[in-house]
Amino acid sequence: MEFLAELLGGIVEFFADIWLDHVVDRFRRWRKKKKEIGSGKSPGMGETQERIGSDDSDREKET
């Protein structure tokens, strides 16, 4: 009976370790994505900022 308890404990520990690695990996990806969006590195944000910047510079040249 003690053997089964140790075996079950080992199996639970094994799957808990895999699950924890998965959760940590997802958190790191989420944090990386959040930083990219905040800094304007995402493709959509960067294009928008570049277009706005170029429009402003064109207006200044005209006046």
N, C-alpha and C. Protein backbone atom coordinates (compact mmCIF):
# COMPACT_ATOMS: atom_id res chain seq x y z
N MET A 1 0.83 -1.20 0.00
CA MET A 1 0.00 0.00 0.00
C MET A 1 0.88 1.27 0.00
N GLU A 2 1.96 1.20 0.76
CA GLU A 2 2.87 2.34 0.81
C GLU A 2 3.50 2.58 -0.56
N PHE A 3 3.79 1.50 -1.27
CA PHE A 3 4.35 1.60 -2.62
C PHE A 3 3.39 2.32 -3.56
N LEU A 4 2.10 1.98 -3.46
CA LEU A 4 1.11 2.64 -4.32
C LEU A 4 0.99 4.12 -3.99
N ALA A 5 1.09 4.46 -2.71
CA ALA A 5 1.01 5.86 -2.31
C ALA A 5 2.20 6.64 -2.88
N GLU A 6 3.40 6.05 -2.80
CA GLU A 6 4.58 6.71 -3.36
C GLU A 6 4.48 6.83 -4.88
N LEU A 7 3.99 5.79 -5.51
CA LEU A 7 3.83 5.80 -6.96
C LEU A 7 2.83 6.88 -7.38
N LEU A 8 1.71 6.94 -6.69
CA LEU A 8 0.70 7.95 -7.00
C LEU A 8 1.26 9.35 -6.74
N GLY A 9 1.99 9.52 -5.65
CA GLY A 9 2.61 10.82 -5.36
C GLY A 9 3.60 11.23 -6.44
N GLY A 10 4.37 10.26 -6.95
CA GLY A 10 5.31 10.55 -8.02
C GLY A 10 4.62 10.95 -9.31
N ILE A 11 3.53 10.27 -9.61
CA ILE A 11 2.77 10.59 -10.83
C ILE A 11 2.16 11.99 -10.72
N VAL A 12 1.58 12.29 -9.56
CA VAL A 12 0.98 13.61 -9.35
C VAL A 12 2.06 14.69 -9.45
N GLU A 13 3.21 14.45 -8.84
CA GLU A 13 4.30 15.42 -8.89
C GLU A 13 4.79 15.63 -10.32
N PHE A 14 4.87 14.56 -11.09
CA PHE A 14 5.31 14.63 -12.48
C PHE A 14 4.37 15.51 -13.30
N PHE A 15 3.07 15.26 -13.21
CA PHE A 15 2.12 16.04 -14.00
C PHE A 15 1.99 17.47 -13.48
N ALA A 16 2.15 17.67 -12.18
CA ALA A 16 2.12 19.02 -11.64
C ALA A 16 3.31 19.83 -12.16
N ASP A 17 4.46 19.19 -12.28
CA ASP A 17 5.65 19.86 -12.80
C ASP A 17 5.45 20.26 -14.26
N ILE A 18 4.88 19.36 -15.05
CA ILE A 18 4.61 19.67 -16.46
C ILE A 18 3.61 20.81 -16.57
N TRP A 19 2.55 20.77 -15.76
CA TRP A 19 1.52 21.82 -15.80
C TRP A 19 2.11 23.16 -15.39
N LEU A 20 2.96 23.15 -14.35
CA LEU A 20 3.56 24.39 -13.88
C LEU A 20 4.47 24.99 -14.96
N ASP A 21 5.25 24.16 -15.63
CA ASP A 21 6.08 24.65 -16.74
C ASP A 21 5.22 25.28 -17.83
N HIS A 22 4.09 24.66 -18.12
CA HIS A 22 3.17 25.18 -19.14
C HIS A 22 2.63 26.55 -18.73
N VAL A 23 2.21 26.66 -17.47
CA VAL A 23 1.64 27.92 -16.98
C VAL A 23 2.70 29.03 -17.01
N VAL A 24 3.91 28.72 -16.58
CA VAL A 24 4.98 29.71 -16.58
C VAL A 24 5.30 30.15 -18.01
N ASP A 25 5.32 29.22 -18.95
CA ASP A 25 5.58 29.54 -20.35
C ASP A 25 4.50 30.45 -20.91
N ARG A 26 3.25 30.14 -20.62
CA ARG A 26 2.14 30.99 -21.10
C ARG A 26 2.24 32.40 -20.51
N PHE A 27 2.59 32.49 -19.22
CA PHE A 27 2.72 33.79 -18.57
C PHE A 27 3.84 34.61 -19.22
N ARG A 28 4.97 33.97 -19.52
CA ARG A 28 6.08 34.68 -20.15
C ARG A 28 5.70 35.17 -21.54
N ARG A 29 4.98 34.34 -22.31
CA ARG A 29 4.53 34.77 -23.64
C ARG A 29 3.58 35.95 -23.53
N TRP A 30 2.66 35.89 -22.55
CA TRP A 30 1.69 36.97 -22.36
C TRP A 30 2.41 38.26 -21.99
N ARG A 31 3.40 38.16 -21.09
CA ARG A 31 4.13 39.34 -20.66
C ARG A 31 4.94 39.93 -21.80
N LYS A 32 5.54 39.07 -22.61
CA LYS A 32 6.32 39.54 -23.76
C LYS A 32 5.42 40.25 -24.76
N LYS A 33 4.24 39.66 -25.01
CA LYS A 33 3.30 40.27 -25.95
C LYS A 33 2.81 41.61 -25.41
N LYS A 34 2.56 41.69 -24.11
CA LYS A 34 2.09 42.92 -23.49
C LYS A 34 3.15 44.02 -23.61
N LYS A 35 4.42 43.66 -23.42
CA LYS A 35 5.49 44.64 -23.55
C LYS A 35 5.61 45.13 -24.98
N GLU A 36 5.46 44.22 -25.97
CA GLU A 36 5.57 44.61 -27.37
C GLU A 36 4.45 45.57 -27.75
N ILE A 37 3.25 45.32 -27.27
CA ILE A 37 2.13 46.20 -27.57
C ILE A 37 2.34 47.56 -26.92
N GLY A 38 2.83 47.57 -25.68
CA GLY A 38 3.06 48.82 -24.96
C GLY A 38 4.14 49.67 -25.58
N SER A 39 5.14 49.05 -26.18
CA SER A 39 6.24 49.81 -26.76
C SER A 39 5.99 50.14 -28.23
N GLY A 40 4.89 49.69 -28.78
CA GLY A 40 4.57 49.97 -30.17
C GLY A 40 5.29 49.08 -31.15
N LYS A 41 5.78 47.93 -30.72
CA LYS A 41 6.52 47.04 -31.61
C LYS A 41 5.61 46.11 -32.40
N SER A 42 4.36 46.05 -32.05
CA SER A 42 3.47 45.17 -32.81
C SER A 42 3.25 45.78 -34.19
N PRO A 43 3.07 44.99 -35.23
CA PRO A 43 3.00 45.51 -36.59
C PRO A 43 1.92 46.57 -36.79
N GLY A 44 0.75 46.37 -36.24
CA GLY A 44 -0.34 47.32 -36.43
C GLY A 44 -0.04 48.66 -35.79
N MET A 45 0.47 48.62 -34.58
CA MET A 45 0.76 49.86 -33.87
C MET A 45 1.89 50.63 -34.55
N GLY A 46 2.93 49.94 -34.96
CA GLY A 46 4.08 50.61 -35.58
C GLY A 46 3.69 51.30 -36.87
N GLU A 47 2.89 50.65 -37.69
CA GLU A 47 2.47 51.24 -38.96
C GLU A 47 1.63 52.49 -38.71
N THR A 48 0.75 52.42 -37.74
CA THR A 48 -0.11 53.56 -37.44
C THR A 48 0.73 54.74 -36.97
N GLN A 49 1.68 54.49 -36.08
CA GLN A 49 2.51 55.57 -35.57
C GLN A 49 3.37 56.16 -36.67
N GLU A 50 3.89 55.34 -37.57
CA GLU A 50 4.70 55.86 -38.66
C GLU A 50 3.87 56.73 -39.59
N ARG A 51 2.66 56.31 -39.89
CA ARG A 51 1.79 57.09 -40.77
C ARG A 51 1.45 58.42 -40.13
N ILE A 52 1.14 58.41 -38.86
CA ILE A 52 0.80 59.66 -38.17
C ILE A 52 2.00 60.59 -38.18
N GLY A 53 3.18 60.03 -37.90
CA GLY A 53 4.40 60.84 -37.90
C GLY A 53 4.69 61.44 -39.26
N SER A 54 4.51 60.68 -40.32
CA SER A 54 4.79 61.20 -41.65
C SER A 54 3.76 62.25 -42.06
N ASP A 55 2.52 62.09 -41.64
CA ASP A 55 1.50 63.09 -41.95
C ASP A 55 1.83 64.41 -41.27
N ASP A 56 2.28 64.37 -40.04
CA ASP A 56 2.62 65.59 -39.32
C ASP A 56 3.81 66.29 -39.97
N SER A 57 4.81 65.53 -40.40
CA SER A 57 5.99 66.15 -41.02
C SER A 57 5.61 66.78 -42.36
N ASP A 58 4.69 66.16 -43.11
CA ASP A 58 4.26 66.72 -44.39
C ASP A 58 3.52 68.04 -44.17
N ARG A 59 2.71 68.10 -43.14
CA ARG A 59 1.97 69.33 -42.86
C ARG A 59 2.90 70.46 -42.48
N GLU A 60 3.96 70.13 -41.70
CA GLU A 60 4.89 71.18 -41.29
C GLU A 60 5.64 71.74 -42.50
N LYS A 61 5.97 70.90 -43.47
CA LYS A 61 6.70 71.35 -44.65
C LYS A 61 5.84 72.26 -45.51
N GLU A 62 4.53 72.02 -45.54
CA GLU A 62 3.64 72.82 -46.38
C GLU A 62 3.49 74.23 -45.84
N THR A 63 3.56 74.40 -44.53
CA THR A 63 3.31 75.73 -43.96
C THR A 63 4.54 76.58 -43.87
